[in-house]
Amino acid sequence: MLPVPPPNPSLDSLASYPHWFVAACITIAAAGAIWILAKLLKWGLYLMITLVLIGGAVLTIWLLVNPTK
């Protein structure tokens, strides 16, 4: 049988809480982290769409003003 490693000392403070409570808190924290990540990705997508639209408009105006021969 494999030897069992000693418990992590940083988790000793959680040992006094019920396991279901620790699992519920970790689940809520993970859901919050995913929600924040989704918000950051959404705003990044909005920024990229805005930059593409502005860049396309500037390029179109520049090509209208400076036609090539």
N, C-alpha and C. Protein backbone atom coordinates (compact mmCIF):
# COMPACT_ATOMS: atom_id res chain seq x y z
N MET A 1 0.84 -1.18 0.00
CA MET A 1 0.00 0.00 0.00
C MET A 1 0.89 1.24 0.00
N LEU A 2 0.45 2.29 -0.70
CA LEU A 2 1.22 3.52 -0.78
C LEU A 2 1.12 4.30 0.53
N PRO A 3 2.22 4.94 0.92
CA PRO A 3 2.15 5.75 2.16
C PRO A 3 1.30 7.01 1.92
N VAL A 4 0.57 7.39 2.93
CA VAL A 4 -0.29 8.58 2.86
C VAL A 4 0.54 9.79 3.28
N PRO A 5 0.59 10.83 2.43
CA PRO A 5 1.37 12.01 2.82
C PRO A 5 0.68 12.75 3.97
N PRO A 6 1.45 13.48 4.76
CA PRO A 6 0.83 14.24 5.85
C PRO A 6 -0.06 15.35 5.30
N PRO A 7 -1.10 15.73 6.04
CA PRO A 7 -2.00 16.78 5.55
C PRO A 7 -1.29 18.12 5.43
N ASN A 8 -1.77 18.93 4.51
CA ASN A 8 -1.21 20.26 4.27
C ASN A 8 -1.53 21.15 5.48
N PRO A 9 -0.51 21.77 6.09
CA PRO A 9 -0.77 22.61 7.27
C PRO A 9 -1.64 23.83 6.98
N SER A 10 -1.65 24.30 5.73
CA SER A 10 -2.46 25.47 5.42
C SER A 10 -3.96 25.13 5.41
N LEU A 11 -4.29 23.85 5.35
CA LEU A 11 -5.70 23.44 5.36
C LEU A 11 -6.20 23.10 6.76
N ASP A 12 -5.35 23.22 7.78
CA ASP A 12 -5.77 22.90 9.14
C ASP A 12 -6.89 23.82 9.62
N SER A 13 -6.90 25.06 9.14
CA SER A 13 -7.95 25.98 9.59
C SER A 13 -9.32 25.55 9.06
N LEU A 14 -9.36 24.80 7.97
CA LEU A 14 -10.62 24.34 7.41
C LEU A 14 -11.11 23.04 8.04
N ALA A 15 -10.25 22.39 8.82
CA ALA A 15 -10.59 21.09 9.39
C ALA A 15 -11.73 21.18 10.40
N SER A 16 -11.91 22.32 11.02
CA SER A 16 -12.95 22.45 12.03
C SER A 16 -14.34 22.66 11.43
N TYR A 17 -14.40 22.98 10.12
CA TYR A 17 -15.68 23.20 9.45
C TYR A 17 -16.19 21.88 8.87
N PRO A 18 -17.51 21.75 8.72
CA PRO A 18 -18.05 20.56 8.07
C PRO A 18 -17.61 20.50 6.60
N HIS A 19 -17.42 19.30 6.09
CA HIS A 19 -16.95 19.14 4.72
C HIS A 19 -17.92 19.75 3.71
N TRP A 20 -19.22 19.63 3.97
CA TRP A 20 -20.20 20.16 3.03
C TRP A 20 -20.10 21.68 2.95
N PHE A 21 -19.78 22.34 4.08
CA PHE A 21 -19.67 23.80 4.11
C PHE A 21 -18.45 24.26 3.32
N VAL A 22 -17.33 23.55 3.48
CA VAL A 22 -16.11 23.89 2.74
C VAL A 22 -16.35 23.70 1.24
N ALA A 23 -17.02 22.60 0.87
CA ALA A 23 -17.30 22.35 -0.55
C ALA A 23 -18.23 23.42 -1.11
N ALA A 24 -19.22 23.84 -0.34
CA ALA A 24 -20.14 24.89 -0.81
C ALA A 24 -19.41 26.21 -1.00
N CYS A 25 -18.53 26.56 -0.09
CA CYS A 25 -17.78 27.81 -0.21
C CYS A 25 -16.83 27.79 -1.41
N ILE A 26 -16.17 26.66 -1.64
CA ILE A 26 -15.29 26.53 -2.80
C ILE A 26 -16.09 26.62 -4.09
N THR A 27 -17.28 26.03 -4.11
CA THR A 27 -18.14 26.09 -5.29
C THR A 27 -18.56 27.52 -5.59
N ILE A 28 -18.94 28.26 -4.56
CA ILE A 28 -19.35 29.66 -4.74
C ILE A 28 -18.18 30.51 -5.21
N ALA A 29 -17.00 30.28 -4.64
CA ALA A 29 -15.81 31.04 -5.04
C ALA A 29 -15.43 30.73 -6.49
N ALA A 30 -15.52 29.47 -6.90
CA ALA A 30 -15.20 29.10 -8.28
C ALA A 30 -16.21 29.70 -9.25
N ALA A 31 -17.49 29.69 -8.89
CA ALA A 31 -18.51 30.29 -9.75
C ALA A 31 -18.28 31.80 -9.89
N GLY A 32 -17.88 32.45 -8.81
CA GLY A 32 -17.57 33.88 -8.88
C GLY A 32 -16.38 34.16 -9.77
N ALA A 33 -15.36 33.33 -9.69
CA ALA A 33 -14.18 33.51 -10.54
C ALA A 33 -14.53 33.30 -12.01
N ILE A 34 -15.36 32.32 -12.31
CA ILE A 34 -15.79 32.09 -13.70
C ILE A 34 -16.63 33.26 -14.19
N TRP A 35 -17.49 33.80 -13.33
CA TRP A 35 -18.32 34.93 -13.71
C TRP A 35 -17.45 36.15 -14.05
N ILE A 36 -16.44 36.42 -13.22
CA ILE A 36 -15.53 37.55 -13.47
C ILE A 36 -14.77 37.34 -14.78
N LEU A 37 -14.29 36.12 -15.01
CA LEU A 37 -13.58 35.82 -16.25
C LEU A 37 -14.50 36.02 -17.46
N ALA A 38 -15.76 35.61 -17.36
CA ALA A 38 -16.70 35.79 -18.46
C ALA A 38 -16.94 37.28 -18.74
N LYS A 39 -17.04 38.08 -17.68
CA LYS A 39 -17.23 39.52 -17.86
C LYS A 39 -16.01 40.14 -18.56
N LEU A 40 -14.81 39.74 -18.16
CA LEU A 40 -13.60 40.27 -18.79
C LEU A 40 -13.53 39.87 -20.26
N LEU A 41 -13.89 38.63 -20.56
CA LEU A 41 -13.88 38.19 -21.96
C LEU A 41 -14.93 38.94 -22.78
N LYS A 42 -16.10 39.18 -22.19
CA LYS A 42 -17.15 39.91 -22.90
C LYS A 42 -16.70 41.33 -23.22
N TRP A 43 -16.13 42.02 -22.26
CA TRP A 43 -15.68 43.39 -22.50
C TRP A 43 -14.50 43.42 -23.45
N GLY A 44 -13.66 42.41 -23.43
CA GLY A 44 -12.58 42.33 -24.41
C GLY A 44 -13.12 42.16 -25.82
N LEU A 45 -14.16 41.36 -25.96
CA LEU A 45 -14.79 41.18 -27.28
C LEU A 45 -15.42 42.49 -27.75
N TYR A 46 -16.09 43.19 -26.86
CA TYR A 46 -16.67 44.49 -27.22
C TYR A 46 -15.58 45.46 -27.67
N LEU A 47 -14.45 45.46 -26.99
CA LEU A 47 -13.35 46.35 -27.35
C LEU A 47 -12.80 45.98 -28.73
N MET A 48 -12.63 44.68 -29.00
CA MET A 48 -12.12 44.26 -30.30
C MET A 48 -13.08 44.63 -31.42
N ILE A 49 -14.39 44.44 -31.22
CA ILE A 49 -15.37 44.80 -32.24
C ILE A 49 -15.33 46.30 -32.51
N THR A 50 -15.23 47.10 -31.45
CA THR A 50 -15.16 48.55 -31.60
C THR A 50 -13.92 48.95 -32.38
N LEU A 51 -12.78 48.36 -32.06
CA LEU A 51 -11.54 48.69 -32.77
C LEU A 51 -11.62 48.30 -34.24
N VAL A 52 -12.22 47.17 -34.54
CA VAL A 52 -12.37 46.74 -35.94
C VAL A 52 -13.27 47.71 -36.70
N LEU A 53 -14.38 48.12 -36.08
CA LEU A 53 -15.28 49.06 -36.74
C LEU A 53 -14.62 50.42 -36.97
N ILE A 54 -13.90 50.92 -35.98
CA ILE A 54 -13.21 52.21 -36.13
C ILE A 54 -12.11 52.10 -37.18
N GLY A 55 -11.34 51.02 -37.12
CA GLY A 55 -10.27 50.83 -38.11
C GLY A 55 -10.82 50.71 -39.52
N GLY A 56 -11.91 49.98 -39.70
CA GLY A 56 -12.52 49.86 -41.01
C GLY A 56 -13.06 51.17 -41.53
N ALA A 57 -13.67 51.96 -40.64
CA ALA A 57 -14.19 53.27 -41.05
C ALA A 57 -13.06 54.21 -41.45
N VAL A 58 -11.98 54.21 -40.67
CA VAL A 58 -10.84 55.08 -40.98
C VAL A 58 -10.21 54.65 -42.30
N LEU A 59 -10.04 53.35 -42.52
CA LEU A 59 -9.47 52.87 -43.77
C LEU A 59 -10.36 53.21 -44.96
N THR A 60 -11.67 53.07 -44.80
CA THR A 60 -12.60 53.39 -45.88
C THR A 60 -12.53 54.88 -46.23
N ILE A 61 -12.53 55.73 -45.22
CA ILE A 61 -12.44 57.18 -45.48
C ILE A 61 -11.10 57.53 -46.12
N TRP A 62 -10.04 56.93 -45.66
CA TRP A 62 -8.71 57.20 -46.22
C TRP A 62 -8.66 56.77 -47.69
N LEU A 63 -9.26 55.62 -48.03
CA LEU A 63 -9.26 55.16 -49.41
C LEU A 63 -10.16 56.04 -50.29
N LEU A 64 -11.22 56.60 -49.72
CA LEU A 64 -12.06 57.54 -50.49
C LEU A 64 -11.35 58.85 -50.77
N VAL A 65 -10.60 59.35 -49.81
CA VAL A 65 -9.92 60.63 -49.95
C VAL A 65 -8.67 60.49 -50.81
N ASN A 66 -7.97 59.39 -50.72
CA ASN A 66 -6.73 59.17 -51.47
C ASN A 66 -6.90 57.99 -52.42
N PRO A 67 -7.57 58.19 -53.53
CA PRO A 67 -7.75 57.06 -54.46
C PRO A 67 -6.44 56.69 -55.13
N THR A 68 -6.24 55.41 -55.37
CA THR A 68 -5.04 54.95 -56.06
C THR A 68 -5.31 54.93 -57.56
N LYS A 69 -4.25 55.09 -58.34
CA LYS A 69 -4.43 55.14 -59.79
C LYS A 69 -4.04 53.85 -60.42
